[in-house]
Amino acid sequence: MRKLTKEQKRDAAIAAKKDADIDFSGIRPVVDWDVAEVGKFFRPAKKPVTIRLDADVIEWLRADGPGYQTKANLLLRHAMLHFTGEKQTGRIKTARGSAKPRMQRSKV
């Protein structure tokens, strides 16, 4: 007969227990998913591109410090949504980790 390992003995002991004998007091309660936000941590795929912009535009984007590419992406997304007529609400997580409101189509 083959000798059981420590893990196999533990697994066999757990399998032999009845549900009523298992202590669930250390388990966190079930989370209410009614308030969950769909897509909260979704990040669209990014593609590296080369784009030529006016020097003053780059200077303005970089004026706030790191994250100028994210800022440019948000501005372009805002323009895209404006021209396509789509609405996008909620919050997105930026590359720097801070949550910023998604830009919405202006109602003009």
PDB file of N, CA and C in Angstrom:
ATOM      1  N   MET A   1       0.840  -1.174   0.000  1.00  0.00           N
ATOM      2  CA  MET A   1       0.000   0.000   0.000  1.00  0.00           C
ATOM      3  C   MET A   1       0.892   1.247   0.000  1.00  0.00           C
ATOM      4  N   ARG A   2       0.516   2.237  -0.787  1.00  0.00           N
ATOM      5  CA  ARG A   2       1.267   3.483  -0.926  1.00  0.00           C
ATOM      6  C   ARG A   2       1.002   4.404   0.263  1.00  0.00           C
ATOM      7  N   LYS A   3       2.029   5.042   0.762  1.00  0.00           N
ATOM      8  CA  LYS A   3       1.895   5.951   1.892  1.00  0.00           C
ATOM      9  C   LYS A   3       1.358   7.298   1.401  1.00  0.00           C
ATOM     10  N   LEU A   4       0.376   7.864   2.132  1.00  0.00           N
ATOM     11  CA  LEU A   4      -0.222   9.139   1.751  1.00  0.00           C
ATOM     12  C   LEU A   4       0.642  10.302   2.213  1.00  0.00           C
ATOM     13  N   THR A   5       0.669  11.336   1.382  1.00  0.00           N
ATOM     14  CA  THR A   5       1.398  12.544   1.760  1.00  0.00           C
ATOM     15  C   THR A   5       0.567  13.341   2.752  1.00  0.00           C
ATOM     16  N   LYS A   6       1.179  14.352   3.337  1.00  0.00           N
ATOM     17  CA  LYS A   6       0.500  15.210   4.307  1.00  0.00           C
ATOM     18  C   LYS A   6      -0.728  15.885   3.671  1.00  0.00           C
ATOM     19  N   GLU A   7      -0.557  16.371   2.452  1.00  0.00           N
ATOM     20  CA  GLU A   7      -1.643  17.051   1.747  1.00  0.00           C
ATOM     21  C   GLU A   7      -2.787  16.087   1.435  1.00  0.00           C
ATOM     22  N   GLN A   8      -2.448  14.849   1.037  1.00  0.00           N
ATOM     23  CA  GLN A   8      -3.476  13.867   0.733  1.00  0.00           C
ATOM     24  C   GLN A   8      -4.261  13.491   1.989  1.00  0.00           C
ATOM     25  N   LYS A   9      -3.562  13.378   3.123  1.00  0.00           N
ATOM     26  CA  LYS A   9      -4.248  13.081   4.380  1.00  0.00           C
ATOM     27  C   LYS A   9      -5.187  14.217   4.755  1.00  0.00           C
ATOM     28  N   ARG A  10      -4.701  15.469   4.588  1.00  0.00           N
ATOM     29  CA  ARG A  10      -5.530  16.634   4.891  1.00  0.00           C
ATOM     30  C   ARG A  10      -6.764  16.671   3.998  1.00  0.00           C
ATOM     31  N   ASP A  11      -6.575  16.434   2.711  1.00  0.00           N
ATOM     32  CA  ASP A  11      -7.691  16.439   1.768  1.00  0.00           C
ATOM     33  C   ASP A  11      -8.704  15.348   2.103  1.00  0.00           C
ATOM     34  N   ALA A  12      -8.225  14.185   2.489  1.00  0.00           N
ATOM     35  CA  ALA A  12      -9.122  13.085   2.851  1.00  0.00           C
ATOM     36  C   ALA A  12      -9.917  13.435   4.106  1.00  0.00           C
ATOM     37  N   ALA A  13      -9.269  14.074   5.078  1.00  0.00           N
ATOM     38  CA  ALA A  13      -9.960  14.470   6.311  1.00  0.00           C
ATOM     39  C   ALA A  13     -11.026  15.513   6.018  1.00  0.00           C
ATOM     40  N   ILE A  14     -10.726  16.441   5.138  1.00  0.00           N
ATOM     41  CA  ILE A  14     -11.706  17.472   4.768  1.00  0.00           C
ATOM     42  C   ILE A  14     -12.876  16.843   4.034  1.00  0.00           C
ATOM     43  N   ALA A  15     -12.600  15.928   3.119  1.00  0.00           N
ATOM     44  CA  ALA A  15     -13.658  15.274   2.344  1.00  0.00           C
ATOM     45  C   ALA A  15     -14.567  14.427   3.235  1.00  0.00           C
ATOM     46  N   ALA A  16     -14.028  13.911   4.330  1.00  0.00           N
ATOM     47  CA  ALA A  16     -14.811  13.058   5.222  1.00  0.00           C
ATOM     48  C   ALA A  16     -15.764  13.857   6.111  1.00  0.00           C
ATOM     49  N   LYS A  17     -15.526  15.179   6.239  1.00  0.00           N
ATOM     50  CA  LYS A  17     -16.380  16.001   7.102  1.00  0.00           C
ATOM     51  C   LYS A  17     -17.744  16.205   6.475  1.00  0.00           C
ATOM     52  N   LYS A  18     -18.743  16.299   7.328  1.00  0.00           N
ATOM     53  CA  LYS A  18     -20.097  16.628   6.882  1.00  0.00           C
ATOM     54  C   LYS A  18     -20.212  18.145   6.835  1.00  0.00           C
ATOM     55  N   ASP A  19     -21.066  18.645   5.982  1.00  0.00           N
ATOM     56  CA  ASP A  19     -21.243  20.090   5.862  1.00  0.00           C
ATOM     57  C   ASP A  19     -21.593  20.727   7.205  1.00  0.00           C
ATOM     58  N   ALA A  20     -22.406  20.050   8.012  1.00  0.00           N
ATOM     59  CA  ALA A  20     -22.826  20.593   9.303  1.00  0.00           C
ATOM     60  C   ALA A  20     -21.651  20.724  10.285  1.00  0.00           C
ATOM     61  N   ASP A  21     -20.579  19.959  10.072  1.00  0.00           N
ATOM     62  CA  ASP A  21     -19.426  19.988  10.978  1.00  0.00           C
ATOM     63  C   ASP A  21     -18.384  21.049  10.603  1.00  0.00           C
ATOM     64  N   ILE A  22     -18.571  21.718   9.480  1.00  0.00           N
ATOM     65  CA  ILE A  22     -17.592  22.697   9.020  1.00  0.00           C
ATOM     66  C   ILE A  22     -17.878  24.045   9.664  1.00  0.00           C
ATOM     67  N   ASP A  23     -16.840  24.668  10.222  1.00  0.00           N
ATOM     68  CA  ASP A  23     -16.961  25.968  10.886  1.00  0.00           C
ATOM     69  C   ASP A  23     -16.738  27.072   9.849  1.00  0.00           C
ATOM     70  N   PHE A  24     -17.783  27.825   9.561  1.00  0.00           N
ATOM     71  CA  PHE A  24     -17.713  28.909   8.573  1.00  0.00           C
ATOM     72  C   PHE A  24     -17.556  30.277   9.231  1.00  0.00           C
ATOM     73  N   SER A  25     -17.266  30.336  10.519  1.00  0.00           N
ATOM     74  CA  SER A  25     -17.222  31.612  11.236  1.00  0.00           C
ATOM     75  C   SER A  25     -16.089  32.528  10.759  1.00  0.00           C
ATOM     76  N   GLY A  26     -15.039  31.988  10.200  1.00  0.00           N
ATOM     77  CA  GLY A  26     -13.918  32.807   9.749  1.00  0.00           C
ATOM     78  C   GLY A  26     -14.064  33.308   8.329  1.00  0.00           C
ATOM     79  N   ILE A  27     -15.128  32.933   7.661  1.00  0.00           N
ATOM     80  CA  ILE A  27     -15.331  33.319   6.265  1.00  0.00           C
ATOM     81  C   ILE A  27     -16.068  34.653   6.210  1.00  0.00           C
ATOM     82  N   ARG A  28     -15.617  35.546   5.337  1.00  0.00           N
ATOM     83  CA  ARG A  28     -16.282  36.836   5.182  1.00  0.00           C
ATOM     84  C   ARG A  28     -17.686  36.637   4.623  1.00  0.00           C
ATOM     85  N   PRO A  29     -18.621  37.503   4.980  1.00  0.00           N
ATOM     86  CA  PRO A  29     -19.983  37.383   4.463  1.00  0.00           C
ATOM     87  C   PRO A  29     -20.038  37.592   2.947  1.00  0.00           C
ATOM     88  N   VAL A  30     -21.086  37.096   2.324  1.00  0.00           N
ATOM     89  CA  VAL A  30     -21.275  37.238   0.883  1.00  0.00           C
ATOM     90  C   VAL A  30     -21.490  38.717   0.563  1.00  0.00           C
ATOM     91  N   VAL A  31     -20.827  39.191  -0.474  1.00  0.00           N
ATOM     92  CA  VAL A  31     -20.922  40.590  -0.873  1.00  0.00           C
ATOM     93  C   VAL A  31     -22.195  40.797  -1.691  1.00  0.00           C
ATOM     94  N   ASP A  32     -22.872  41.911  -1.436  1.00  0.00           N
ATOM     95  CA  ASP A  32     -24.064  42.266  -2.213  1.00  0.00           C
ATOM     96  C   ASP A  32     -23.602  42.886  -3.533  1.00  0.00           C
ATOM     97  N   TRP A  33     -23.804  42.206  -4.627  1.00  0.00           N
ATOM     98  CA  TRP A  33     -23.319  42.652  -5.936  1.00  0.00           C
ATOM     99  C   TRP A  33     -24.263  43.632  -6.619  1.00  0.00           C
ATOM    100  N   ASP A  34     -25.361  44.025  -5.932  1.00  0.00           N
ATOM    101  CA  ASP A  34     -26.313  44.959  -6.540  1.00  0.00           C
ATOM    102  C   ASP A  34     -25.697  46.332  -6.793  1.00  0.00           C
ATOM    103  N   VAL A  35     -24.678  46.690  -6.026  1.00  0.00           N
ATOM    104  CA  VAL A  35     -24.066  48.010  -6.183  1.00  0.00           C
ATOM    105  C   VAL A  35     -22.788  47.958  -7.014  1.00  0.00           C
ATOM    106  N   ALA A  36     -22.468  46.811  -7.570  1.00  0.00           N
ATOM    107  CA  ALA A  36     -21.248  46.668  -8.370  1.00  0.00           C
ATOM    108  C   ALA A  36     -21.365  47.493  -9.648  1.00  0.00           C
ATOM    109  N   GLU A  37     -20.242  48.058 -10.088  1.00  0.00           N
ATOM    110  CA  GLU A  37     -20.207  48.840 -11.308  1.00  0.00           C
ATOM    111  C   GLU A  37     -19.598  48.001 -12.422  1.00  0.00           C
ATOM    112  N   VAL A  38     -20.377  47.746 -13.453  1.00  0.00           N
ATOM    113  CA  VAL A  38     -19.900  46.949 -14.577  1.00  0.00           C
ATOM    114  C   VAL A  38     -18.849  47.751 -15.335  1.00  0.00           C
ATOM    115  N   GLY A  39     -17.720  47.125 -15.586  1.00  0.00           N
ATOM    116  CA  GLY A  39     -16.666  47.755 -16.373  1.00  0.00           C
ATOM    117  C   GLY A  39     -15.833  48.770 -15.612  1.00  0.00           C
ATOM    118  N   LYS A  40     -15.947  48.830 -14.291  1.00  0.00           N
ATOM    119  CA  LYS A  40     -15.227  49.841 -13.510  1.00  0.00           C
ATOM    120  C   LYS A  40     -13.714  49.740 -13.703  1.00  0.00           C
ATOM    121  N   PHE A  41     -13.195  48.535 -13.786  1.00  0.00           N
ATOM    122  CA  PHE A  41     -11.757  48.370 -13.912  1.00  0.00           C
ATOM    123  C   PHE A  41     -11.340  47.962 -15.316  1.00  0.00           C
ATOM    124  N   PHE A  42     -12.245  48.115 -16.276  1.00  0.00           N
ATOM    125  CA  PHE A  42     -11.934  47.776 -17.663  1.00  0.00           C
ATOM    126  C   PHE A  42     -11.030  48.843 -18.252  1.00  0.00           C
ATOM    127  N   ARG A  43      -9.995  48.425 -18.912  1.00  0.00           N
ATOM    128  CA  ARG A  43      -9.112  49.331 -19.627  1.00  0.00           C
ATOM    129  C   ARG A  43      -9.036  48.889 -21.083  1.00  0.00           C
ATOM    130  N   PRO A  44      -9.435  49.745 -21.995  1.00  0.00           N
ATOM    131  CA  PRO A  44      -9.326  49.369 -23.401  1.00  0.00           C
ATOM    132  C   PRO A  44      -7.870  49.134 -23.786  1.00  0.00           C
ATOM    133  N   ALA A  45      -7.666  48.290 -24.771  1.00  0.00           N
ATOM    134  CA  ALA A  45      -6.307  48.010 -25.241  1.00  0.00           C
ATOM    135  C   ALA A  45      -5.703  49.283 -25.815  1.00  0.00           C
ATOM    136  N   LYS A  46      -4.447  49.502 -25.532  1.00  0.00           N
ATOM    137  CA  LYS A  46      -3.742  50.684 -26.046  1.00  0.00           C
ATOM    138  C   LYS A  46      -2.776  50.243 -27.149  1.00  0.00           C
ATOM    139  N   LYS A  47      -2.610  51.122 -28.134  1.00  0.00           N
ATOM    140  CA  LYS A  47      -1.678  50.854 -29.223  1.00  0.00           C
ATOM    141  C   LYS A  47      -0.704  52.022 -29.314  1.00  0.00           C
ATOM    142  N   PRO A  48       0.577  51.733 -29.402  1.00  0.00           N
ATOM    143  CA  PRO A  48       1.539  52.827 -29.548  1.00  0.00           C
ATOM    144  C   PRO A  48       1.441  53.434 -30.952  1.00  0.00           C
ATOM    145  N   VAL A  49       1.415  54.760 -31.005  1.00  0.00           N
ATOM    146  CA  VAL A  49       1.364  55.463 -32.293  1.00  0.00           C
ATOM    147  C   VAL A  49       2.333  56.637 -32.253  1.00  0.00           C
ATOM    148  N   THR A  50       2.676  57.102 -33.422  1.00  0.00           N
ATOM    149  CA  THR A  50       3.472  58.323 -33.536  1.00  0.00           C
ATOM    150  C   THR A  50       2.568  59.370 -34.153  1.00  0.00           C
ATOM    151  N   ILE A  51       2.509  60.529 -33.509  1.00  0.00           N
ATOM    152  CA  ILE A  51       1.641  61.600 -33.996  1.00  0.00           C
ATOM    153  C   ILE A  51       2.402  62.916 -33.891  1.00  0.00           C
ATOM    154  N   ARG A  52       2.239  63.757 -34.873  1.00  0.00           N
ATOM    155  CA  ARG A  52       2.912  65.057 -34.862  1.00  0.00           C
ATOM    156  C   ARG A  52       1.905  66.114 -34.415  1.00  0.00           C
ATOM    157  N   LEU A  53       2.243  66.780 -33.313  1.00  0.00           N
ATOM    158  CA  LEU A  53       1.394  67.826 -32.768  1.00  0.00           C
ATOM    159  C   LEU A  53       2.184  69.120 -32.691  1.00  0.00           C
ATOM    160  N   ASP A  54       1.481  70.236 -32.689  1.00  0.00           N
ATOM    161  CA  ASP A  54       2.150  71.524 -32.558  1.00  0.00           C
ATOM    162  C   ASP A  54       2.843  71.606 -31.201  1.00  0.00           C
ATOM    163  N   ALA A  55       3.969  72.314 -31.176  1.00  0.00           N
ATOM    164  CA  ALA A  55       4.771  72.413 -29.954  1.00  0.00           C
ATOM    165  C   ALA A  55       3.982  73.012 -28.796  1.00  0.00           C
ATOM    166  N   ASP A  56       3.141  74.013 -29.082  1.00  0.00           N
ATOM    167  CA  ASP A  56       2.377  74.632 -27.998  1.00  0.00           C
ATOM    168  C   ASP A  56       1.331  73.684 -27.420  1.00  0.00           C
ATOM    169  N   VAL A  57       0.809  72.786 -28.250  1.00  0.00           N
ATOM    170  CA  VAL A  57      -0.164  71.794 -27.772  1.00  0.00           C
ATOM    171  C   VAL A  57       0.533  70.814 -26.835  1.00  0.00           C
ATOM    172  N   ILE A  58       1.697  70.328 -27.228  1.00  0.00           N
ATOM    173  CA  ILE A  58       2.471  69.415 -26.378  1.00  0.00           C
ATOM    174  C   ILE A  58       2.846  70.102 -25.069  1.00  0.00           C
ATOM    175  N   GLU A  59       3.273  71.359 -25.156  1.00  0.00           N
ATOM    176  CA  GLU A  59       3.638  72.108 -23.953  1.00  0.00           C
ATOM    177  C   GLU A  59       2.443  72.227 -23.000  1.00  0.00           C
ATOM    178  N   TRP A  60       1.271  72.512 -23.556  1.00  0.00           N
ATOM    179  CA  TRP A  60       0.055  72.615 -22.741  1.00  0.00           C
ATOM    180  C   TRP A  60      -0.290  71.269 -22.099  1.00  0.00           C
ATOM    181  N   LEU A  61      -0.191  70.181 -22.866  1.00  0.00           N
ATOM    182  CA  LEU A  61      -0.500  68.853 -22.324  1.00  0.00           C
ATOM    183  C   LEU A  61       0.462  68.480 -21.193  1.00  0.00           C
ATOM    184  N   ARG A  62       1.731  68.823 -21.349  1.00  0.00           N
ATOM    185  CA  ARG A  62       2.756  68.467 -20.358  1.00  0.00           C
ATOM    186  C   ARG A  62       2.784  69.409 -19.148  1.00  0.00           C
ATOM    187  N   ALA A  63       2.073  70.522 -19.220  1.00  0.00           N
ATOM    188  CA  ALA A  63       2.127  71.535 -18.161  1.00  0.00           C
ATOM    189  C   ALA A  63       1.661  70.999 -16.806  1.00  0.00           C
ATOM    190  N   ASP A  64       0.749  70.061 -16.789  1.00  0.00           N
ATOM    191  CA  ASP A  64       0.242  69.502 -15.529  1.00  0.00           C
ATOM    192  C   ASP A  64       1.145  68.425 -14.961  1.00  0.00           C
ATOM    193  N   GLY A  65       2.222  68.113 -15.628  1.00  0.00           N
ATOM    194  CA  GLY A  65       3.128  67.083 -15.143  1.00  0.00           C
ATOM    195  C   GLY A  65       2.891  65.753 -15.835  1.00  0.00           C
ATOM    196  N   PRO A  66       3.332  64.658 -15.195  1.00  0.00           N
ATOM    197  CA  PRO A  66       3.189  63.332 -15.807  1.00  0.00           C
ATOM    198  C   PRO A  66       1.729  63.017 -16.138  1.00  0.00           C
ATOM    199  N   GLY A  67       1.554  62.246 -17.184  1.00  0.00           N
ATOM    200  CA  GLY A  67       0.208  61.845 -17.582  1.00  0.00           C
ATOM    201  C   GLY A  67      -0.315  62.610 -18.782  1.00  0.00           C
ATOM    202  N   TYR A  68       0.566  63.289 -19.508  1.00  0.00           N
ATOM    203  CA  TYR A  68       0.090  64.084 -20.639  1.00  0.00           C
ATOM    204  C   TYR A  68      -0.494  63.211 -21.754  1.00  0.00           C
ATOM    205  N   GLN A  69       0.012  61.973 -21.902  1.00  0.00           N
ATOM    206  CA  GLN A  69      -0.545  61.094 -22.935  1.00  0.00           C
ATOM    207  C   GLN A  69      -1.954  60.650 -22.562  1.00  0.00           C
ATOM    208  N   THR A  70      -2.176  60.408 -21.273  1.00  0.00           N
ATOM    209  CA  THR A  70      -3.515  60.057 -20.801  1.00  0.00           C
ATOM    210  C   THR A  70      -4.459  61.226 -21.021  1.00  0.00           C
ATOM    211  N   LYS A  71      -3.980  62.430 -20.734  1.00  0.00           N
ATOM    212  CA  LYS A  71      -4.797  63.624 -20.946  1.00  0.00           C
ATOM    213  C   LYS A  71      -5.160  63.762 -22.424  1.00  0.00           C
ATOM    214  N   ALA A  72      -4.186  63.553 -23.301  1.00  0.00           N
ATOM    215  CA  ALA A  72      -4.441  63.628 -24.746  1.00  0.00           C
ATOM    216  C   ALA A  72      -5.461  62.571 -25.154  1.00  0.00           C
ATOM    217  N   ASN A  73      -5.344  61.364 -24.587  1.00  0.00           N
ATOM    218  CA  ASN A  73      -6.284  60.291 -24.901  1.00  0.00           C
ATOM    219  C   ASN A  73      -7.703  60.668 -24.458  1.00  0.00           C
ATOM    220  N   LEU A  74      -7.832  61.246 -23.252  1.00  0.00           N
ATOM    221  CA  LEU A  74      -9.159  61.656 -22.768  1.00  0.00           C
ATOM    222  C   LEU A  74      -9.767  62.741 -23.647  1.00  0.00           C
ATOM    223  N   LEU A  75      -8.945  63.685 -24.080  1.00  0.00           N
ATOM    224  CA  LEU A  75      -9.438  64.747 -24.950  1.00  0.00           C
ATOM    225  C   LEU A  75      -9.880  64.193 -26.308  1.00  0.00           C
ATOM    226  N   LEU A  76      -9.086  63.283 -26.858  1.00  0.00           N
ATOM    227  CA  LEU A  76      -9.454  62.666 -28.138  1.00  0.00           C
ATOM    228  C   LEU A  76     -10.712  61.810 -27.994  1.00  0.00           C
ATOM    229  N   ARG A  77     -10.833  61.095 -26.858  1.00  0.00           N
ATOM    230  CA  ARG A  77     -12.039  60.296 -26.613  1.00  0.00           C
ATOM    231  C   ARG A  77     -13.268  61.196 -26.525  1.00  0.00           C
ATOM    232  N   HIS A  78     -13.123  62.332 -25.838  1.00  0.00           N
ATOM    233  CA  HIS A  78     -14.225  63.294 -25.729  1.00  0.00           C
ATOM    234  C   HIS A  78     -14.657  63.766 -27.115  1.00  0.00           C
ATOM    235  N   ALA A  79     -13.687  64.112 -27.954  1.00  0.00           N
ATOM    236  CA  ALA A  79     -13.999  64.552 -29.319  1.00  0.00           C
ATOM    237  C   ALA A  79     -14.657  63.426 -30.111  1.00  0.00           C
ATOM    238  N   MET A  80     -14.152  62.203 -29.970  1.00  0.00           N
ATOM    239  CA  MET A  80     -14.720  61.062 -30.685  1.00  0.00           C
ATOM    240  C   MET A  80     -16.182  60.856 -30.286  1.00  0.00           C
ATOM    241  N   LEU A  81     -16.446  60.884 -28.980  1.00  0.00           N
ATOM    242  CA  LEU A  81     -17.813  60.680 -28.503  1.00  0.00           C
ATOM    243  C   LEU A  81     -18.725  61.811 -28.948  1.00  0.00           C
ATOM    244  N   HIS A  82     -18.199  63.022 -28.993  1.00  0.00           N
ATOM    245  CA  HIS A  82     -18.978  64.170 -29.454  1.00  0.00           C
ATOM    246  C   HIS A  82     -19.395  63.994 -30.917  1.00  0.00           C
ATOM    247  N   PHE A  83     -18.434  63.607 -31.749  1.00  0.00           N
ATOM    248  CA  PHE A  83     -18.716  63.486 -33.174  1.00  0.00           C
ATOM    249  C   PHE A  83     -19.517  62.242 -33.532  1.00  0.00           C
ATOM    250  N   THR A  84     -19.416  61.189 -32.741  1.00  0.00           N
ATOM    251  CA  THR A  84     -20.194  59.982 -33.021  1.00  0.00           C
ATOM    252  C   THR A  84     -21.554  60.018 -32.358  1.00  0.00           C
ATOM    253  N   GLY A  85     -21.758  60.961 -31.447  1.00  0.00           N
ATOM    254  CA  GLY A  85     -23.048  61.082 -30.780  1.00  0.00           C
ATOM    255  C   GLY A  85     -23.245  60.098 -29.648  1.00  0.00           C
ATOM    256  N   GLU A  86     -22.199  59.399 -29.250  1.00  0.00           N
ATOM    257  CA  GLU A  86     -22.310  58.422 -28.162  1.00  0.00           C
ATOM    258  C   GLU A  86     -22.185  59.119 -26.825  1.00  0.00           C
ATOM    259  N   LYS A  87     -22.708  58.450 -25.803  1.00  0.00           N
ATOM    260  CA  LYS A  87     -22.558  58.936 -24.433  1.00  0.00           C
ATOM    261  C   LYS A  87     -21.769  57.916 -23.663  1.00  0.00           C
ATOM    262  N   GLN A  88     -20.902  58.380 -22.811  1.00  0.00           N
ATOM    263  CA  GLN A  88     -20.135  57.469 -21.973  1.00  0.00           C
ATOM    264  C   GLN A  88     -20.099  58.068 -20.581  1.00  0.00           C
ATOM    265  N   THR A  89     -20.597  57.305 -19.605  1.00  0.00           N
ATOM    266  CA  THR A  89     -20.644  57.818 -18.247  1.00  0.00           C
ATOM    267  C   THR A  89     -19.834  56.921 -17.340  1.00  0.00           C
ATOM    268  N   GLY A  90     -19.757  57.279 -16.085  1.00  0.00           N
ATOM    269  CA  GLY A  90     -19.028  56.472 -15.124  1.00  0.00           C
ATOM    270  C   GLY A  90     -17.624  57.005 -14.938  1.00  0.00           C
ATOM    271  N   ARG A  91     -16.780  56.166 -14.385  1.00  0.00           N
ATOM    272  CA  ARG A  91     -15.406  56.580 -14.112  1.00  0.00           C
ATOM    273  C   ARG A  91     -14.464  55.576 -14.755  1.00  0.00           C
ATOM    274  N   ILE A  92     -13.324  56.073 -15.174  1.00  0.00           N
ATOM    275  CA  ILE A  92     -12.298  55.193 -15.708  1.00  0.00           C
ATOM    276  C   ILE A  92     -11.043  55.365 -14.881  1.00  0.00           C
ATOM    277  N   LYS A  93     -10.213  54.381 -14.876  1.00  0.00           N
ATOM    278  CA  LYS A  93      -8.951  54.443 -14.144  1.00  0.00           C
ATOM    279  C   LYS A  93      -7.873  54.823 -15.147  1.00  0.00           C
ATOM    280  N   THR A  94      -7.152  55.868 -14.849  1.00  0.00           N
ATOM    281  CA  THR A  94      -6.134  56.335 -15.772  1.00  0.00           C
ATOM    282  C   THR A  94      -4.842  55.563 -15.563  1.00  0.00           C
ATOM    283  N   ALA A  95      -3.897  55.777 -16.440  1.00  0.00           N
ATOM    284  CA  ALA A  95      -2.618  55.069 -16.363  1.00  0.00           C
ATOM    285  C   ALA A  95      -1.868  55.409 -15.074  1.00  0.00           C
ATOM    286  N   ARG A  96      -2.082  56.608 -14.532  1.00  0.00           N
ATOM    287  CA  ARG A  96      -1.386  57.012 -13.318  1.00  0.00           C
ATOM    288  C   ARG A  96      -2.079  56.485 -12.072  1.00  0.00           C
ATOM    289  N   GLY A  97      -3.230  55.856 -12.224  1.00  0.00           N
ATOM    290  CA  GLY A  97      -3.881  55.237 -11.085  1.00  0.00           C
ATOM    291  C   GLY A  97      -4.974  56.069 -10.447  1.00  0.00           C
ATOM    292  N   SER A  98      -5.108  57.343 -10.787  1.00  0.00           N
ATOM    293  CA  SER A  98      -6.160  58.144 -10.179  1.00  0.00           C
ATOM    294  C   SER A  98      -7.420  58.043 -11.025  1.00  0.00           C
ATOM    295  N   ALA A  99      -8.540  57.957 -10.371  1.00  0.00           N
ATOM    296  CA  ALA A  99      -9.800  57.851 -11.096  1.00  0.00           C
ATOM    297  C   ALA A  99     -10.230  59.242 -11.537  1.00  0.00           C
ATOM    298  N   LYS A 100     -10.585  59.381 -12.782  1.00  0.00           N
ATOM    299  CA  LYS A 100     -11.064  60.650 -13.306  1.00  0.00           C
ATOM    300  C   LYS A 100     -12.400  60.408 -13.974  1.00  0.00           C
ATOM    301  N   PRO A 101     -13.296  61.406 -13.945  1.00  0.00           N
ATOM    302  CA  PRO A 101     -14.580  61.212 -14.617  1.00  0.00           C
ATOM    303  C   PRO A 101     -14.385  61.044 -16.112  1.00  0.00           C
ATOM    304  N   ARG A 102     -15.180  60.195 -16.704  1.00  0.00           N
ATOM    305  CA  ARG A 102     -15.139  60.059 -18.155  1.00  0.00           C
ATOM    306  C   ARG A 102     -15.766  61.291 -18.768  1.00  0.00           C
ATOM    307  N   MET A 103     -15.230  61.689 -19.877  1.00  0.00           N
ATOM    308  CA  MET A 103     -15.775  62.841 -20.532  1.00  0.00           C
ATOM    309  C   MET A 103     -17.086  62.468 -21.217  1.00  0.00           C
ATOM    310  N   GLN A 104     -18.048  63.383 -21.127  1.00  0.00           N
ATOM    311  CA  GLN A 104     -19.342  63.146 -21.735  1.00  0.00           C
ATOM    312  C   GLN A 104     -19.533  64.121 -22.888  1.00  0.00           C
ATOM    313  N   ARG A 105     -20.400  63.735 -23.787  1.00  0.00           N
ATOM    314  CA  ARG A 105     -20.715  64.569 -24.933  1.00  0.00           C
ATOM    315  C   ARG A 105     -21.410  65.824 -24.423  1.00  0.00           C
ATOM    316  N   SER A 106     -20.957  66.976 -24.867  1.00  0.00           N
ATOM    317  CA  SER A 106     -21.579  68.225 -24.432  1.00  0.00           C
ATOM    318  C   SER A 106     -22.939  68.370 -25.079  1.00  0.00           C
ATOM    319  N   LYS A 107     -23.870  68.954 -24.333  1.00  0.00           N
ATOM    320  CA  LYS A 107     -25.239  69.139 -24.820  1.00  0.00           C
ATOM    321  C   LYS A 107     -25.389  70.561 -25.342  1.00  0.00           C
ATOM    322  N   VAL A 108     -24.853  70.807 -26.544  1.00  0.00           N
ATOM    323  CA  VAL A 108     -24.904  72.137 -27.131  1.00  0.00           C
ATOM    324  C   VAL A 108     -25.857  72.131 -28.291  1.00  0.00           C
TER     325      VAL A 108
END
